[in-house]
């Protein structure tokens, strides 16, 4: 079975852009996180769906100008691990 991920509910997050960073307040934990690209973009493309890293990478490359030399899926996997550790996404059974 392929691992899927789900972003925290939209109502749990308050977004604020700050130059090249995004401040993201997570209501349940009371913590404000400073996120750099591509983490905010990953959360945005996930929306309310449970997705695999491959599906997220595909959505990112369709929505943003991603260099063809970039291994988007490996970058997504690394960011998903970080976002999971912050409690901003959760692993779900597929």
N, C-alpha and C. Protein backbone atom coordinates (compact mmCIF):
# COMPACT_ATOMS: atom_id res chain seq x y z
N UNK A 1 0.84 -1.18 0.00
CA UNK A 1 0.00 0.00 0.00
C UNK A 1 0.89 1.25 0.00
N UNK A 2 0.54 2.22 -0.80
CA UNK A 2 1.29 3.46 -0.90
C UNK A 2 0.86 4.43 0.19
N UNK A 3 1.83 5.06 0.82
CA UNK A 3 1.56 6.01 1.90
C UNK A 3 0.85 7.25 1.37
N UNK A 4 -0.23 7.65 2.05
CA UNK A 4 -0.94 8.88 1.72
C UNK A 4 -0.84 9.84 2.88
N UNK A 5 -1.02 11.12 2.56
CA UNK A 5 -0.91 12.19 3.55
C UNK A 5 -2.12 13.10 3.41
N UNK A 6 -2.53 13.67 4.54
CA UNK A 6 -3.63 14.64 4.55
C UNK A 6 -3.19 15.86 5.34
N UNK A 7 -3.45 17.04 4.77
CA UNK A 7 -3.11 18.29 5.45
C UNK A 7 -4.07 18.53 6.61
N UNK A 8 -3.63 19.31 7.58
CA UNK A 8 -4.49 19.72 8.68
C UNK A 8 -5.71 20.43 8.10
N UNK A 9 -6.86 20.33 8.74
CA UNK A 9 -8.06 21.02 8.25
C UNK A 9 -7.82 22.52 8.08
N UNK A 10 -8.40 23.08 7.03
CA UNK A 10 -8.22 24.51 6.73
C UNK A 10 -8.57 25.40 7.92
N UNK A 11 -9.59 25.03 8.67
CA UNK A 11 -10.02 25.84 9.82
C UNK A 11 -8.99 25.83 10.95
N UNK A 12 -8.06 24.89 10.91
CA UNK A 12 -7.01 24.81 11.95
C UNK A 12 -5.81 25.69 11.63
N UNK A 13 -5.78 26.30 10.44
CA UNK A 13 -4.60 27.03 9.98
C UNK A 13 -4.92 28.48 9.65
N UNK A 14 -4.03 29.37 10.06
CA UNK A 14 -4.12 30.79 9.67
C UNK A 14 -2.83 31.12 8.94
N UNK A 15 -2.96 31.58 7.69
CA UNK A 15 -1.82 31.85 6.82
C UNK A 15 -1.51 33.35 6.80
N UNK A 16 -0.21 33.67 6.74
CA UNK A 16 0.20 35.06 6.58
C UNK A 16 1.53 35.08 5.82
N UNK A 17 1.52 35.74 4.65
CA UNK A 17 2.75 35.86 3.86
C UNK A 17 3.69 36.88 4.48
N UNK A 18 4.97 36.59 4.47
CA UNK A 18 5.99 37.48 5.03
C UNK A 18 7.21 37.40 4.13
N UNK A 19 7.31 38.33 3.19
CA UNK A 19 8.39 38.32 2.20
C UNK A 19 8.44 36.96 1.51
N UNK A 20 9.56 36.26 1.61
CA UNK A 20 9.69 34.97 0.93
C UNK A 20 9.26 33.80 1.81
N UNK A 21 8.79 34.09 3.01
CA UNK A 21 8.36 33.05 3.95
C UNK A 21 6.85 33.11 4.12
N UNK A 22 6.30 32.05 4.68
CA UNK A 22 4.89 32.01 5.06
C UNK A 22 4.81 31.68 6.53
N UNK A 23 4.07 32.51 7.27
CA UNK A 23 3.80 32.20 8.68
C UNK A 23 2.50 31.41 8.70
N UNK A 24 2.51 30.32 9.41
CA UNK A 24 1.34 29.46 9.48
C UNK A 24 1.05 29.15 10.94
N UNK A 25 -0.06 29.70 11.44
CA UNK A 25 -0.46 29.45 12.82
C UNK A 25 -1.33 28.21 12.84
N UNK A 26 -0.96 27.24 13.65
CA UNK A 26 -1.68 25.98 13.79
C UNK A 26 -2.49 26.06 15.08
N UNK A 27 -3.78 26.29 14.96
CA UNK A 27 -4.65 26.52 16.12
C UNK A 27 -4.60 25.41 17.17
N UNK A 28 -4.67 24.13 16.79
CA UNK A 28 -4.68 23.09 17.83
C UNK A 28 -3.44 23.08 18.71
N UNK A 29 -2.28 23.38 18.13
CA UNK A 29 -1.05 23.36 18.92
C UNK A 29 -0.70 24.72 19.50
N UNK A 30 -1.28 25.79 18.92
CA UNK A 30 -0.94 27.14 19.36
C UNK A 30 0.43 27.59 18.88
N UNK A 31 0.98 26.90 17.90
CA UNK A 31 2.33 27.20 17.41
C UNK A 31 2.25 27.88 16.05
N UNK A 32 3.08 28.92 15.87
CA UNK A 32 3.24 29.56 14.57
C UNK A 32 4.51 29.02 13.94
N UNK A 33 4.39 28.52 12.72
CA UNK A 33 5.52 27.96 11.98
C UNK A 33 5.93 28.91 10.87
N UNK A 34 7.24 29.03 10.63
CA UNK A 34 7.76 29.77 9.49
C UNK A 34 8.12 28.76 8.42
N UNK A 35 7.44 28.85 7.29
CA UNK A 35 7.65 27.89 6.22
C UNK A 35 8.24 28.56 4.99
N UNK A 36 9.18 27.89 4.36
CA UNK A 36 9.75 28.34 3.09
C UNK A 36 9.24 27.42 1.99
N UNK A 37 9.30 27.90 0.75
CA UNK A 37 8.90 27.07 -0.38
C UNK A 37 9.78 25.83 -0.42
N UNK A 38 9.23 24.71 -0.77
CA UNK A 38 7.90 24.47 -1.32
C UNK A 38 6.85 24.04 -0.30
N UNK A 39 7.14 24.12 1.00
CA UNK A 39 6.20 23.62 2.01
C UNK A 39 4.81 24.26 1.90
N UNK A 40 4.69 25.60 1.80
CA UNK A 40 3.34 26.17 1.67
C UNK A 40 2.62 25.69 0.41
N UNK A 41 3.36 25.55 -0.68
CA UNK A 41 2.76 25.09 -1.94
C UNK A 41 2.27 23.65 -1.80
N UNK A 42 3.01 22.83 -1.09
CA UNK A 42 2.59 21.44 -0.86
C UNK A 42 1.27 21.42 -0.11
N UNK A 43 1.17 22.21 0.96
CA UNK A 43 -0.07 22.26 1.73
C UNK A 43 -1.23 22.76 0.87
N UNK A 44 -0.96 23.74 0.01
CA UNK A 44 -2.01 24.29 -0.85
C UNK A 44 -2.53 23.26 -1.85
N UNK A 45 -1.64 22.51 -2.49
CA UNK A 45 -2.10 21.55 -3.50
C UNK A 45 -2.77 20.33 -2.88
N UNK A 46 -2.51 20.07 -1.60
CA UNK A 46 -3.14 18.92 -0.94
C UNK A 46 -4.63 19.17 -0.72
N UNK A 47 -5.00 20.41 -0.47
CA UNK A 47 -6.39 20.78 -0.19
C UNK A 47 -6.98 19.84 0.83
N UNK A 48 -8.12 19.24 0.54
CA UNK A 48 -8.79 18.36 1.51
C UNK A 48 -8.63 16.88 1.15
N UNK A 49 -7.71 16.57 0.25
CA UNK A 49 -7.58 15.20 -0.23
C UNK A 49 -6.41 14.47 0.45
N UNK A 50 -6.56 13.17 0.59
CA UNK A 50 -5.45 12.32 1.03
C UNK A 50 -4.69 11.92 -0.23
N UNK A 51 -3.42 12.31 -0.31
CA UNK A 51 -2.64 12.12 -1.52
C UNK A 51 -1.32 11.43 -1.24
N UNK A 52 -0.79 10.76 -2.26
CA UNK A 52 0.56 10.19 -2.18
C UNK A 52 1.57 11.28 -2.56
N UNK A 53 2.83 11.02 -2.27
CA UNK A 53 3.89 11.97 -2.66
C UNK A 53 3.92 12.15 -4.17
N UNK A 54 3.68 11.09 -4.91
CA UNK A 54 3.66 11.17 -6.38
C UNK A 54 2.54 12.08 -6.85
N UNK A 55 1.35 11.95 -6.25
CA UNK A 55 0.22 12.80 -6.62
C UNK A 55 0.49 14.27 -6.28
N UNK A 56 1.11 14.51 -5.13
CA UNK A 56 1.43 15.88 -4.73
C UNK A 56 2.46 16.48 -5.69
N UNK A 57 3.50 15.72 -6.02
CA UNK A 57 4.52 16.20 -6.96
C UNK A 57 3.90 16.51 -8.31
N UNK A 58 2.98 15.67 -8.76
CA UNK A 58 2.31 15.90 -10.04
C UNK A 58 1.49 17.19 -10.00
N UNK A 59 0.77 17.43 -8.91
CA UNK A 59 -0.01 18.66 -8.78
C UNK A 59 0.89 19.89 -8.74
N UNK A 60 2.02 19.77 -8.06
CA UNK A 60 2.96 20.90 -7.99
C UNK A 60 3.51 21.23 -9.36
N UNK A 61 3.94 20.21 -10.10
CA UNK A 61 4.52 20.48 -11.42
C UNK A 61 3.48 21.01 -12.39
N UNK A 62 2.20 20.66 -12.20
CA UNK A 62 1.13 21.18 -13.05
C UNK A 62 0.77 22.61 -12.69
N UNK A 63 0.93 22.98 -11.41
CA UNK A 63 0.51 24.30 -10.94
C UNK A 63 1.63 25.34 -10.94
N UNK A 64 2.88 24.89 -10.85
CA UNK A 64 4.00 25.81 -10.73
C UNK A 64 5.05 25.49 -11.79
N UNK A 65 5.88 26.46 -12.08
CA UNK A 65 6.96 26.28 -13.04
C UNK A 65 8.11 25.54 -12.36
N UNK A 66 8.15 24.23 -12.56
CA UNK A 66 9.16 23.38 -11.92
C UNK A 66 10.15 22.95 -12.98
N UNK A 67 11.43 23.17 -12.72
CA UNK A 67 12.50 22.78 -13.64
C UNK A 67 12.44 21.27 -13.86
N UNK A 68 12.54 20.84 -15.10
CA UNK A 68 12.43 19.42 -15.42
C UNK A 68 13.58 18.59 -14.84
N UNK A 69 14.69 19.25 -14.47
CA UNK A 69 15.83 18.54 -13.89
C UNK A 69 15.62 18.25 -12.40
N UNK A 70 14.62 18.84 -11.81
CA UNK A 70 14.37 18.69 -10.38
C UNK A 70 13.62 17.38 -10.11
N UNK A 71 14.08 16.63 -9.12
CA UNK A 71 13.39 15.41 -8.72
C UNK A 71 12.31 15.81 -7.71
N UNK A 72 11.18 16.25 -8.24
CA UNK A 72 10.11 16.81 -7.40
C UNK A 72 9.61 15.82 -6.37
N UNK A 73 9.51 14.57 -6.74
CA UNK A 73 8.95 13.60 -5.79
C UNK A 73 9.83 13.43 -4.56
N UNK A 74 11.15 13.37 -4.74
CA UNK A 74 12.04 13.24 -3.59
C UNK A 74 12.01 14.48 -2.71
N UNK A 75 11.89 15.65 -3.32
CA UNK A 75 11.78 16.89 -2.55
C UNK A 75 10.48 16.88 -1.76
N UNK A 76 9.39 16.45 -2.39
CA UNK A 76 8.10 16.38 -1.71
C UNK A 76 8.16 15.42 -0.54
N UNK A 77 8.76 14.25 -0.72
CA UNK A 77 8.86 13.27 0.36
C UNK A 77 9.59 13.87 1.56
N UNK A 78 10.70 14.56 1.31
CA UNK A 78 11.46 15.18 2.40
C UNK A 78 10.62 16.23 3.12
N UNK A 79 9.91 17.07 2.38
CA UNK A 79 9.08 18.10 3.00
C UNK A 79 7.90 17.49 3.75
N UNK A 80 7.33 16.40 3.22
CA UNK A 80 6.22 15.74 3.91
C UNK A 80 6.66 15.22 5.27
N UNK A 81 7.86 14.70 5.35
CA UNK A 81 8.38 14.23 6.64
C UNK A 81 8.50 15.39 7.62
N UNK A 82 9.00 16.54 7.13
CA UNK A 82 9.12 17.72 8.00
C UNK A 82 7.75 18.21 8.45
N UNK A 83 6.82 18.33 7.50
CA UNK A 83 5.47 18.82 7.83
C UNK A 83 4.75 17.87 8.78
N UNK A 84 5.00 16.58 8.62
CA UNK A 84 4.42 15.60 9.53
C UNK A 84 4.97 15.78 10.94
N UNK A 85 6.26 16.02 11.04
CA UNK A 85 6.89 16.23 12.34
C UNK A 85 6.36 17.49 13.04
N UNK A 86 5.92 18.46 12.26
CA UNK A 86 5.35 19.69 12.81
C UNK A 86 3.86 19.54 13.16
N UNK A 87 3.26 18.45 12.75
CA UNK A 87 1.84 18.24 13.00
C UNK A 87 0.94 18.93 12.00
N UNK A 88 1.50 19.39 10.87
CA UNK A 88 0.70 20.10 9.88
C UNK A 88 0.08 19.16 8.85
N UNK A 89 0.59 17.95 8.77
CA UNK A 89 -0.02 16.91 7.94
C UNK A 89 0.01 15.61 8.73
N UNK A 90 -0.77 14.67 8.28
CA UNK A 90 -0.83 13.36 8.93
C UNK A 90 -0.74 12.26 7.89
N UNK A 91 -0.10 11.17 8.26
CA UNK A 91 -0.11 9.98 7.42
C UNK A 91 -1.47 9.31 7.61
N UNK A 92 -2.05 8.87 6.50
CA UNK A 92 -3.35 8.19 6.56
C UNK A 92 -3.26 6.88 5.79
N UNK A 93 -4.08 5.93 6.17
CA UNK A 93 -4.10 4.68 5.42
C UNK A 93 -4.89 4.90 4.13
N UNK A 94 -4.36 4.31 3.08
CA UNK A 94 -4.82 4.60 1.76
C UNK A 94 -5.96 3.95 1.19
